[in-house]
Amino acid sequence: MSFPDALARAGGLIQSRLNHALTDKADEPVLHAMRYAVGGGKRLRGFLVLETAALFGLPPERAISAAAAVECLHAYSLVHDDLPCMDDDDLRRGQPTVHVKWDDATAVLAGDALQTLAFELLCDPALGTGDTRIALVRGLAQASGAEGMVLGQALDIAAETASAPLTLPQITRLQAGKTGALIRWSAEAGAVIAGQDPAPLRAYATALGLAFQIADDILDETGDEAQTGKRLHKDATAGKATFVSLLGLDGARKTARDLVAEAEGHLAPYGDRARTLIDAARFVIARES
């Protein structure tokens, strides 16, 4: 199966699980906003959960709740990230952001509810024993909280008023939390569910997450809003340092390619079974959205 087909298949399975999780609930604006927020997107994080589980012979139904959980967590982060008090964006995935379509309070509550739904999904017995589910919950909490994604977002906000632009090591640390932490959890999840060593997949995902963010910075510089589905050039307008501003466009592209090669190297223990994960790494720096 080609990578685009594998990604689309995973996206369909994840959307079905999300639809089921959000069905038969009260007909309230916050529920409509939650459904809206989890619609669309690349589903790369959920795909990584399913694909790494498949490395160890696990069928999608064993890992689908974890894949849906990380997509809920990711969607919550985007809803809150877009708020006026954060990045103040009005466009996401080519559609009005949640606070624009509804209001700030609904966006805050929808994000809160998506975050808690993520951990509810990780209670699914299909994911394994109680110890396995606790490990998934602990890992996602650490990846998304003050040691991971939230820390990265806080550093990003602080950079807006810093007396000097961030250095390359500082940006790397920031993005390792803001973008990389959830990608690492997603790639490790399949091994956790299977009771296998996640170290090679953690190393793969660390390189992949940084390449993903560099590709985002390149798209912000060279992309088209109609294709990316979001506003571009905001960091440059705000005078914030990015991988492109520090490395130059050619340097950023080379660094992203080197990181993809590094990510591929970490998959060597899995042989041909990791072919789709290698394709995912290459997709990360070739995408246009």
C-alpha atoms as a PDB file:
ATOM      1  CA  MET A   1       0.000   0.000   0.000  1.00  0.00           C
ATOM      2  CA  SER A   2       1.344   3.450  -0.923  1.00  0.00           C
ATOM      3  CA  PHE A   3       1.956   5.973   1.833  1.00  0.00           C
ATOM      4  CA  PRO A   4      -0.885   8.319   0.743  1.00  0.00           C
ATOM      5  CA  ASP A   5      -3.275   5.350   0.764  1.00  0.00           C
ATOM      6  CA  ALA A   6      -2.012   4.204   4.174  1.00  0.00           C
ATOM      7  CA  LEU A   7      -2.396   7.710   5.596  1.00  0.00           C
ATOM      8  CA  ALA A   8      -5.917   8.036   4.151  1.00  0.00           C
ATOM      9  CA  ARG A   9      -6.893   4.614   5.501  1.00  0.00           C
ATOM     10  CA  ALA A  10      -5.629   5.503   8.959  1.00  0.00           C
ATOM     11  CA  GLY A  11      -7.452   8.837   8.792  1.00  0.00           C
ATOM     12  CA  GLY A  12     -10.722   7.103   7.997  1.00  0.00           C
ATOM     13  CA  LEU A  13     -10.359   4.661  10.874  1.00  0.00           C
ATOM     14  CA  ILE A  14      -9.493   7.468  13.285  1.00  0.00           C
ATOM     15  CA  GLN A  15     -12.414   9.614  12.159  1.00  0.00           C
ATOM     16  CA  SER A  16     -14.800   6.686  12.642  1.00  0.00           C
ATOM     17  CA  ARG A  17     -13.505   6.201  16.204  1.00  0.00           C
ATOM     18  CA  LEU A  18     -13.857   9.914  16.923  1.00  0.00           C
ATOM     19  CA  ASN A  19     -17.367   9.968  15.485  1.00  0.00           C
ATOM     20  CA  HIS A  20     -18.301   7.078  17.769  1.00  0.00           C
ATOM     21  CA  ALA A  21     -16.801   8.814  20.799  1.00  0.00           C
ATOM     22  CA  LEU A  22     -18.750  11.998  20.073  1.00  0.00           C
ATOM     23  CA  THR A  23     -22.088  10.358  19.176  1.00  0.00           C
ATOM     24  CA  ASP A  24     -25.113  10.203  21.435  1.00  0.00           C
ATOM     25  CA  LYS A  25     -23.995  13.184  23.458  1.00  0.00           C
ATOM     26  CA  ALA A  26     -25.990  16.316  24.231  1.00  0.00           C
ATOM     27  CA  ASP A  27     -26.803  18.592  21.311  1.00  0.00           C
ATOM     28  CA  GLU A  28     -24.864  21.545  22.702  1.00  0.00           C
ATOM     29  CA  PRO A  29     -22.567  24.109  21.018  1.00  0.00           C
ATOM     30  CA  VAL A  30     -19.500  22.722  22.773  1.00  0.00           C
ATOM     31  CA  LEU A  31     -20.130  19.271  21.255  1.00  0.00           C
ATOM     32  CA  HIS A  32     -20.563  20.778  17.794  1.00  0.00           C
ATOM     33  CA  ALA A  33     -17.310  22.683  18.308  1.00  0.00           C
ATOM     34  CA  MET A  34     -15.519  19.487  19.378  1.00  0.00           C
ATOM     35  CA  ARG A  35     -16.682  17.630  16.264  1.00  0.00           C
ATOM     36  CA  TYR A  36     -15.646  20.583  14.122  1.00  0.00           C
ATOM     37  CA  ALA A  37     -12.206  20.746  15.725  1.00  0.00           C
ATOM     38  CA  VAL A  38     -11.395  17.062  15.134  1.00  0.00           C
ATOM     39  CA  GLY A  39     -12.518  17.130  11.508  1.00  0.00           C
ATOM     40  CA  GLY A  40      -9.840  17.048   8.824  1.00  0.00           C
ATOM     41  CA  GLY A  41      -6.109  17.389   9.169  1.00  0.00           C
ATOM     42  CA  LYS A  42      -3.312  15.055   8.150  1.00  0.00           C
ATOM     43  CA  ARG A  43      -3.821  12.611  11.074  1.00  0.00           C
ATOM     44  CA  LEU A  44      -0.053  12.039  11.109  1.00  0.00           C
ATOM     45  CA  ARG A  45       0.086  11.485  14.865  1.00  0.00           C
ATOM     46  CA  GLY A  46      -2.732   8.959  14.857  1.00  0.00           C
ATOM     47  CA  PHE A  47      -1.205   7.301  11.816  1.00  0.00           C
ATOM     48  CA  LEU A  48       2.073   6.869  13.720  1.00  0.00           C
ATOM     49  CA  VAL A  49       0.221   5.116  16.544  1.00  0.00           C
ATOM     50  CA  LEU A  50      -1.435   2.653  14.178  1.00  0.00           C
ATOM     51  CA  GLU A  51       1.642   2.077  12.040  1.00  0.00           C
ATOM     52  CA  THR A  52       3.999   1.482  14.953  1.00  0.00           C
ATOM     53  CA  ALA A  53       1.478  -0.961  16.431  1.00  0.00           C
ATOM     54  CA  ALA A  54       1.440  -2.757  13.073  1.00  0.00           C
ATOM     55  CA  LEU A  55       5.234  -3.165  13.311  1.00  0.00           C
ATOM     56  CA  PHE A  56       4.567  -5.618  16.127  1.00  0.00           C
ATOM     57  CA  GLY A  57       1.706  -7.426  14.416  1.00  0.00           C
ATOM     58  CA  LEU A  58      -1.138  -5.596  16.166  1.00  0.00           C
ATOM     59  CA  PRO A  59      -4.322  -4.951  14.145  1.00  0.00           C
ATOM     60  CA  PRO A  60      -5.769  -1.413  14.028  1.00  0.00           C
ATOM     61  CA  GLU A  61      -8.555  -2.220  16.497  1.00  0.00           C
ATOM     62  CA  ARG A  62      -5.975  -2.828  19.219  1.00  0.00           C
ATOM     63  CA  ALA A  63      -4.519   0.690  18.876  1.00  0.00           C
ATOM     64  CA  ILE A  64      -7.314   2.807  17.393  1.00  0.00           C
ATOM     65  CA  SER A  65      -8.376   4.375  20.693  1.00  0.00           C
ATOM     66  CA  ALA A  66      -4.806   5.572  21.319  1.00  0.00           C
ATOM     67  CA  ALA A  67      -4.684   7.006  17.787  1.00  0.00           C
ATOM     68  CA  ALA A  68      -7.968   8.843  18.366  1.00  0.00           C
ATOM     69  CA  ALA A  69      -6.737  10.034  21.760  1.00  0.00           C
ATOM     70  CA  VAL A  70      -3.657  11.785  20.393  1.00  0.00           C
ATOM     71  CA  GLU A  71      -5.736  13.394  17.650  1.00  0.00           C
ATOM     72  CA  CYS A  72      -8.100  14.758  20.329  1.00  0.00           C
ATOM     73  CA  LEU A  73      -5.134  16.090  22.268  1.00  0.00           C
ATOM     74  CA  HIS A  74      -3.642  17.645  19.148  1.00  0.00           C
ATOM     75  CA  ALA A  75      -6.977  19.222  18.176  1.00  0.00           C
ATOM     76  CA  TYR A  76      -7.370  20.714  21.652  1.00  0.00           C
ATOM     77  CA  SER A  77      -3.918  22.253  21.385  1.00  0.00           C
ATOM     78  CA  LEU A  78      -4.781  23.853  18.045  1.00  0.00           C
ATOM     79  CA  VAL A  79      -8.092  25.244  19.315  1.00  0.00           C
ATOM     80  CA  HIS A  80      -6.351  26.897  22.260  1.00  0.00           C
ATOM     81  CA  ASP A  81      -3.301  27.920  20.210  1.00  0.00           C
ATOM     82  CA  ASP A  82      -5.572  29.838  17.819  1.00  0.00           C
ATOM     83  CA  LEU A  83      -7.236  31.907  20.575  1.00  0.00           C
ATOM     84  CA  PRO A  84      -6.697  35.693  20.670  1.00  0.00           C
ATOM     85  CA  CYS A  85      -4.728  35.369  23.923  1.00  0.00           C
ATOM     86  CA  MET A  86      -2.305  32.941  22.255  1.00  0.00           C
ATOM     87  CA  ASP A  87      -1.464  33.073  18.518  1.00  0.00           C
ATOM     88  CA  ASP A  88      -4.708  34.832  17.523  1.00  0.00           C
ATOM     89  CA  ASP A  89      -5.389  32.952  14.277  1.00  0.00           C
ATOM     90  CA  ASP A  90      -8.631  33.073  12.308  1.00  0.00           C
ATOM     91  CA  LEU A  91      -7.924  30.251   9.838  1.00  0.00           C
ATOM     92  CA  ARG A  92      -7.173  26.575  10.466  1.00  0.00           C
ATOM     93  CA  ARG A  93      -7.296  23.759   7.900  1.00  0.00           C
ATOM     94  CA  GLY A  94      -8.824  26.211   5.459  1.00  0.00           C
ATOM     95  CA  GLN A  95     -11.782  26.923   7.764  1.00  0.00           C
ATOM     96  CA  PRO A  96     -12.563  29.566  10.402  1.00  0.00           C
ATOM     97  CA  THR A  97     -10.971  28.708  13.731  1.00  0.00           C
ATOM     98  CA  VAL A  98     -13.277  27.528  16.521  1.00  0.00           C
ATOM     99  CA  HIS A  99     -13.347  30.820  18.420  1.00  0.00           C
ATOM    100  CA  VAL A 100     -14.205  32.651  15.193  1.00  0.00           C
ATOM    101  CA  LYS A 101     -17.006  30.247  14.247  1.00  0.00           C
ATOM    102  CA  TRP A 102     -18.410  30.236  17.794  1.00  0.00           C
ATOM    103  CA  ASP A 103     -16.772  32.396  20.485  1.00  0.00           C
ATOM    104  CA  ASP A 104     -13.779  32.380  22.830  1.00  0.00           C
ATOM    105  CA  ALA A 105     -15.583  30.658  25.702  1.00  0.00           C
ATOM    106  CA  THR A 106     -16.872  27.844  23.495  1.00  0.00           C
ATOM    107  CA  ALA A 107     -13.383  27.362  22.069  1.00  0.00           C
ATOM    108  CA  VAL A 108     -11.833  27.134  25.553  1.00  0.00           C
ATOM    109  CA  LEU A 109     -14.446  24.630  26.702  1.00  0.00           C
ATOM    110  CA  ALA A 110     -14.275  22.551  23.516  1.00  0.00           C
ATOM    111  CA  GLY A 111     -10.507  22.355  23.887  1.00  0.00           C
ATOM    112  CA  ASP A 112     -10.814  21.378  27.548  1.00  0.00           C
ATOM    113  CA  ALA A 113     -13.332  18.671  26.671  1.00  0.00           C
ATOM    114  CA  LEU A 114     -11.172  17.279  23.861  1.00  0.00           C
ATOM    115  CA  GLN A 115      -8.237  17.035  26.266  1.00  0.00           C
ATOM    116  CA  THR A 116     -10.251  15.061  28.806  1.00  0.00           C
ATOM    117  CA  LEU A 117     -11.750  12.890  26.040  1.00  0.00           C
ATOM    118  CA  ALA A 118      -8.218  11.914  25.042  1.00  0.00           C
ATOM    119  CA  PHE A 119      -7.594  10.364  28.443  1.00  0.00           C
ATOM    120  CA  GLU A 120     -11.028   8.738  28.477  1.00  0.00           C
ATOM    121  CA  LEU A 121     -10.150   7.039  25.190  1.00  0.00           C
ATOM    122  CA  LEU A 122      -6.927   5.700  26.712  1.00  0.00           C
ATOM    123  CA  CYS A 123      -9.038   3.757  29.227  1.00  0.00           C
ATOM    124  CA  ASP A 124     -10.253   1.444  26.436  1.00  0.00           C
ATOM    125  CA  PRO A 125      -9.554  -2.195  27.511  1.00  0.00           C
ATOM    126  CA  ALA A 126      -8.615  -3.032  23.906  1.00  0.00           C
ATOM    127  CA  LEU A 127      -5.331  -1.167  24.513  1.00  0.00           C
ATOM    128  CA  GLY A 128      -4.150  -3.807  26.951  1.00  0.00           C
ATOM    129  CA  THR A 129      -3.704  -4.371  30.654  1.00  0.00           C
ATOM    130  CA  GLY A 130      -4.230  -1.745  33.302  1.00  0.00           C
ATOM    131  CA  ASP A 131      -0.476  -1.216  33.509  1.00  0.00           C
ATOM    132  CA  THR A 132      -0.299  -0.648  29.746  1.00  0.00           C
ATOM    133  CA  ARG A 133      -3.109   1.875  29.828  1.00  0.00           C
ATOM    134  CA  ILE A 134      -1.544   3.694  32.779  1.00  0.00           C
ATOM    135  CA  ALA A 135       1.742   3.880  30.869  1.00  0.00           C
ATOM    136  CA  LEU A 136      -0.071   5.400  27.871  1.00  0.00           C
ATOM    137  CA  VAL A 137      -1.897   7.905  30.084  1.00  0.00           C
ATOM    138  CA  ARG A 138       1.278   8.881  31.927  1.00  0.00           C
ATOM    139  CA  GLY A 139       3.205   9.250  28.700  1.00  0.00           C
ATOM    140  CA  LEU A 140       0.555  11.409  27.024  1.00  0.00           C
ATOM    141  CA  ALA A 141       0.198  13.575  30.133  1.00  0.00           C
ATOM    142  CA  GLN A 142       3.948  14.190  30.195  1.00  0.00           C
ATOM    143  CA  ALA A 143       4.116  14.828  26.440  1.00  0.00           C
ATOM    144  CA  SER A 144       1.269  17.326  26.524  1.00  0.00           C
ATOM    145  CA  GLY A 145       1.908  19.091  29.823  1.00  0.00           C
ATOM    146  CA  ALA A 146       4.475  21.351  31.448  1.00  0.00           C
ATOM    147  CA  GLU A 147       7.327  19.015  30.423  1.00  0.00           C
ATOM    148  CA  GLY A 148       6.245  18.873  26.786  1.00  0.00           C
ATOM    149  CA  MET A 149       3.746  20.656  24.555  1.00  0.00           C
ATOM    150  CA  VAL A 150       2.595  23.258  27.083  1.00  0.00           C
ATOM    151  CA  LEU A 151       6.210  24.096  27.921  1.00  0.00           C
ATOM    152  CA  GLY A 152       6.930  24.585  24.217  1.00  0.00           C
ATOM    153  CA  GLN A 153       3.934  26.857  23.827  1.00  0.00           C
ATOM    154  CA  ALA A 154       4.960  28.882  26.883  1.00  0.00           C
ATOM    155  CA  LEU A 155       8.475  29.317  25.477  1.00  0.00           C
ATOM    156  CA  ASP A 156       6.973  30.366  22.144  1.00  0.00           C
ATOM    157  CA  ILE A 157       4.814  33.037  23.780  1.00  0.00           C
ATOM    158  CA  ALA A 158       7.754  34.290  25.829  1.00  0.00           C
ATOM    159  CA  ALA A 159       9.809  34.607  22.632  1.00  0.00           C
ATOM    160  CA  GLU A 160       7.360  37.224  21.339  1.00  0.00           C
ATOM    161  CA  THR A 161       8.491  39.731  23.961  1.00  0.00           C
ATOM    162  CA  ALA A 162      12.092  38.575  24.433  1.00  0.00           C
ATOM    163  CA  SER A 163      14.806  41.230  24.158  1.00  0.00           C
ATOM    164  CA  ALA A 164      16.623  39.180  21.499  1.00  0.00           C
ATOM    165  CA  PRO A 165      15.576  36.476  19.019  1.00  0.00           C
ATOM    166  CA  LEU A 166      16.011  32.896  20.186  1.00  0.00           C
ATOM    167  CA  THR A 167      19.164  31.004  19.307  1.00  0.00           C
ATOM    168  CA  LEU A 168      19.146  27.721  17.390  1.00  0.00           C
ATOM    169  CA  PRO A 169      19.463  25.563  20.556  1.00  0.00           C
ATOM    170  CA  GLN A 170      16.634  27.547  22.158  1.00  0.00           C
ATOM    171  CA  ILE A 171      14.342  27.080  19.161  1.00  0.00           C
ATOM    172  CA  THR A 172      15.210  23.396  19.035  1.00  0.00           C
ATOM    173  CA  ARG A 173      14.239  23.020  22.713  1.00  0.00           C
ATOM    174  CA  LEU A 174      11.034  24.990  22.166  1.00  0.00           C
ATOM    175  CA  GLN A 175       9.943  22.858  19.219  1.00  0.00           C
ATOM    176  CA  ALA A 176      10.943  19.606  20.909  1.00  0.00           C
ATOM    177  CA  GLY A 177       8.112  20.401  23.312  1.00  0.00           C
ATOM    178  CA  LYS A 178       5.574  22.251  21.217  1.00  0.00           C
ATOM    179  CA  THR A 179       5.630  19.925  18.198  1.00  0.00           C
ATOM    180  CA  GLY A 180       7.962  17.044  18.943  1.00  0.00           C
ATOM    181  CA  ALA A 181       6.559  15.712  22.216  1.00  0.00           C
ATOM    182  CA  LEU A 182       3.246  14.489  20.791  1.00  0.00           C
ATOM    183  CA  ILE A 183       4.986  13.012  17.753  1.00  0.00           C
ATOM    184  CA  ARG A 184       7.341  11.090  20.064  1.00  0.00           C
ATOM    185  CA  TRP A 185       4.438   9.754  22.138  1.00  0.00           C
ATOM    186  CA  SER A 186       2.597   8.716  18.978  1.00  0.00           C
ATOM    187  CA  ALA A 187       5.546   6.753  17.632  1.00  0.00           C
ATOM    188  CA  GLU A 188       6.227   5.081  20.988  1.00  0.00           C
ATOM    189  CA  ALA A 189       2.596   4.126  21.595  1.00  0.00           C
ATOM    190  CA  GLY A 190       2.590   1.068  19.337  1.00  0.00           C
ATOM    191  CA  ALA A 191       5.572  -0.391  21.170  1.00  0.00           C
ATOM    192  CA  VAL A 192       3.984   0.349  24.555  1.00  0.00           C
ATOM    193  CA  ILE A 193       0.755  -1.393  23.542  1.00  0.00           C
ATOM    194  CA  ALA A 194       2.734  -4.362  22.232  1.00  0.00           C
ATOM    195  CA  GLY A 195       4.938  -4.535  25.338  1.00  0.00           C
ATOM    196  CA  GLN A 196       8.104  -3.901  23.286  1.00  0.00           C
ATOM    197  CA  ASP A 197      11.101  -1.600  23.676  1.00  0.00           C
ATOM    198  CA  PRO A 198      10.120   1.866  22.370  1.00  0.00           C
ATOM    199  CA  ALA A 199      13.703   3.233  22.223  1.00  0.00           C
ATOM    200  CA  PRO A 200      14.293   2.902  18.435  1.00  0.00           C
ATOM    201  CA  LEU A 201      10.911   4.483  17.708  1.00  0.00           C
ATOM    202  CA  ARG A 202      11.592   7.269  20.210  1.00  0.00           C
ATOM    203  CA  ALA A 203      14.814   8.094  18.400  1.00  0.00           C
ATOM    204  CA  TYR A 204      13.032   7.941  15.035  1.00  0.00           C
ATOM    205  CA  ALA A 205      10.311  10.277  16.252  1.00  0.00           C
ATOM    206  CA  THR A 206      12.720  12.771  17.812  1.00  0.00           C
ATOM    207  CA  ALA A 207      14.362  13.317  14.413  1.00  0.00           C
ATOM    208  CA  LEU A 208      10.985  13.212  12.657  1.00  0.00           C
ATOM    209  CA  GLY A 209       9.440  15.845  14.944  1.00  0.00           C
ATOM    210  CA  LEU A 210      12.269  18.304  14.376  1.00  0.00           C
ATOM    211  CA  ALA A 211      12.142  17.730  10.607  1.00  0.00           C
ATOM    212  CA  PHE A 212       8.378  18.337  10.749  1.00  0.00           C
ATOM    213  CA  GLN A 213       8.839  21.714  12.415  1.00  0.00           C
ATOM    214  CA  ILE A 214      11.595  22.780  10.047  1.00  0.00           C
ATOM    215  CA  ALA A 215       9.275  21.880   7.163  1.00  0.00           C
ATOM    216  CA  ASP A 216       6.574  24.027   8.800  1.00  0.00           C
ATOM    217  CA  ASP A 217       8.977  26.964   8.960  1.00  0.00           C
ATOM    218  CA  ILE A 218       9.867  26.438   5.286  1.00  0.00           C
ATOM    219  CA  LEU A 219       6.176  26.346   4.363  1.00  0.00           C
ATOM    220  CA  ASP A 220       5.603  29.545   6.341  1.00  0.00           C
ATOM    221  CA  GLU A 221       8.258  31.173   4.167  1.00  0.00           C
ATOM    222  CA  THR A 222       7.453  29.664   0.760  1.00  0.00           C
ATOM    223  CA  GLY A 223       3.980  28.111   0.986  1.00  0.00           C
ATOM    224  CA  ASP A 224       0.573  29.142  -0.276  1.00  0.00           C
ATOM    225  CA  GLU A 225      -2.261  29.886   2.162  1.00  0.00           C
ATOM    226  CA  ALA A 226      -4.781  28.116  -0.054  1.00  0.00           C
ATOM    227  CA  GLN A 227      -2.754  24.903   0.261  1.00  0.00           C
ATOM    228  CA  THR A 228      -1.625  25.192   3.860  1.00  0.00           C
ATOM    229  CA  GLY A 229      -5.060  26.260   5.107  1.00  0.00           C
ATOM    230  CA  LYS A 230      -3.603  28.733   7.603  1.00  0.00           C
ATOM    231  CA  ARG A 231      -2.102  32.208   7.754  1.00  0.00           C
ATOM    232  CA  LEU A 232       1.546  32.442   6.754  1.00  0.00           C
ATOM    233  CA  HIS A 233       4.520  34.719   7.550  1.00  0.00           C
ATOM    234  CA  LYS A 234       3.285  35.498  11.076  1.00  0.00           C
ATOM    235  CA  ASP A 235       6.608  34.719  12.753  1.00  0.00           C
ATOM    236  CA  ALA A 236       8.551  36.889  10.315  1.00  0.00           C
ATOM    237  CA  THR A 237       6.092  39.734  10.803  1.00  0.00           C
ATOM    238  CA  ALA A 238       6.498  39.422  14.575  1.00  0.00           C
ATOM    239  CA  GLY A 239      10.292  39.361  14.261  1.00  0.00           C
ATOM    240  CA  LYS A 240      10.571  35.881  15.789  1.00  0.00           C
ATOM    241  CA  ALA A 241      13.492  33.639  14.933  1.00  0.00           C
ATOM    242  CA  THR A 242      12.745  30.448  13.017  1.00  0.00           C
ATOM    243  CA  PHE A 243      14.840  27.638  11.595  1.00  0.00           C
ATOM    244  CA  VAL A 244      14.690  29.420   8.246  1.00  0.00           C
ATOM    245  CA  SER A 245      15.759  32.792   9.639  1.00  0.00           C
ATOM    246  CA  LEU A 246      18.711  31.178  11.455  1.00  0.00           C
ATOM    247  CA  LEU A 247      19.787  28.576   8.898  1.00  0.00           C
ATOM    248  CA  GLY A 248      18.625  30.192   5.674  1.00  0.00           C
ATOM    249  CA  LEU A 249      16.203  28.472   3.305  1.00  0.00           C
ATOM    250  CA  ASP A 250      18.801  26.143   1.784  1.00  0.00           C
ATOM    251  CA  GLY A 251      20.306  25.363   5.179  1.00  0.00           C
ATOM    252  CA  ALA A 252      16.888  24.559   6.626  1.00  0.00           C
ATOM    253  CA  ARG A 253      16.086  22.242   3.740  1.00  0.00           C
ATOM    254  CA  LYS A 254      19.402  20.418   4.129  1.00  0.00           C
ATOM    255  CA  THR A 255      18.921  20.055   7.882  1.00  0.00           C
ATOM    256  CA  ALA A 256      15.434  18.635   7.330  1.00  0.00           C
ATOM    257  CA  ARG A 257      16.794  16.120   4.801  1.00  0.00           C
ATOM    258  CA  ASP A 258      19.568  15.110   7.209  1.00  0.00           C
ATOM    259  CA  LEU A 259      17.029  14.580   9.987  1.00  0.00           C
ATOM    260  CA  VAL A 260      14.892  12.383   7.745  1.00  0.00           C
ATOM    261  CA  ALA A 261      17.952  10.276   6.933  1.00  0.00           C
ATOM    262  CA  GLU A 262      18.656  10.027  10.667  1.00  0.00           C
ATOM    263  CA  ALA A 263      15.044   9.005  11.331  1.00  0.00           C
ATOM    264  CA  GLU A 264      15.262   6.303   8.672  1.00  0.00           C
ATOM    265  CA  GLY A 265      18.465   4.955  10.225  1.00  0.00           C
ATOM    266  CA  HIS A 266      16.735   4.400  13.563  1.00  0.00           C
ATOM    267  CA  LEU A 267      14.215   2.111  11.833  1.00  0.00           C
ATOM    268  CA  ALA A 268      16.887  -0.327  10.671  1.00  0.00           C
ATOM    269  CA  PRO A 269      16.024  -2.938  13.359  1.00  0.00           C
ATOM    270  CA  TYR A 270      12.575  -3.372  11.788  1.00  0.00           C
ATOM    271  CA  GLY A 271      13.731  -4.000   8.223  1.00  0.00           C
ATOM    272  CA  ASP A 272      11.111  -3.895   5.463  1.00  0.00           C
ATOM    273  CA  ARG A 273       8.293  -3.755   8.000  1.00  0.00           C
ATOM    274  CA  ALA A 274       9.168  -0.081   8.562  1.00  0.00           C
ATOM    275  CA  ARG A 275       8.829   0.925   4.904  1.00  0.00           C
ATOM    276  CA  THR A 276       5.664   2.965   5.508  1.00  0.00           C
ATOM    277  CA  LEU A 277       7.275   4.767   8.447  1.00  0.00           C
ATOM    278  CA  ILE A 278      10.205   5.658   6.196  1.00  0.00           C
ATOM    279  CA  ASP A 279       7.721   7.006   3.654  1.00  0.00           C
ATOM    280  CA  ALA A 280       6.107   9.035   6.457  1.00  0.00           C
ATOM    281  CA  ALA A 281       9.432  10.685   7.262  1.00  0.00           C
ATOM    282  CA  ARG A 282       9.939  11.606   3.632  1.00  0.00           C
ATOM    283  CA  PHE A 283       6.382  12.929   3.407  1.00  0.00           C
ATOM    284  CA  VAL A 284       6.994  15.250   6.349  1.00  0.00           C
ATOM    285  CA  ILE A 285       9.487  17.371   4.415  1.00  0.00           C
ATOM    286  CA  ALA A 286       7.802  17.070   1.001  1.00  0.00           C
ATOM    287  CA  ARG A 287       4.281  18.104   2.069  1.00  0.00           C
ATOM    288  CA  GLU A 288       2.633  21.347   0.950  1.00  0.00           C
ATOM    289  CA  SER A 289       0.309  21.768   3.934  1.00  0.00           C
END
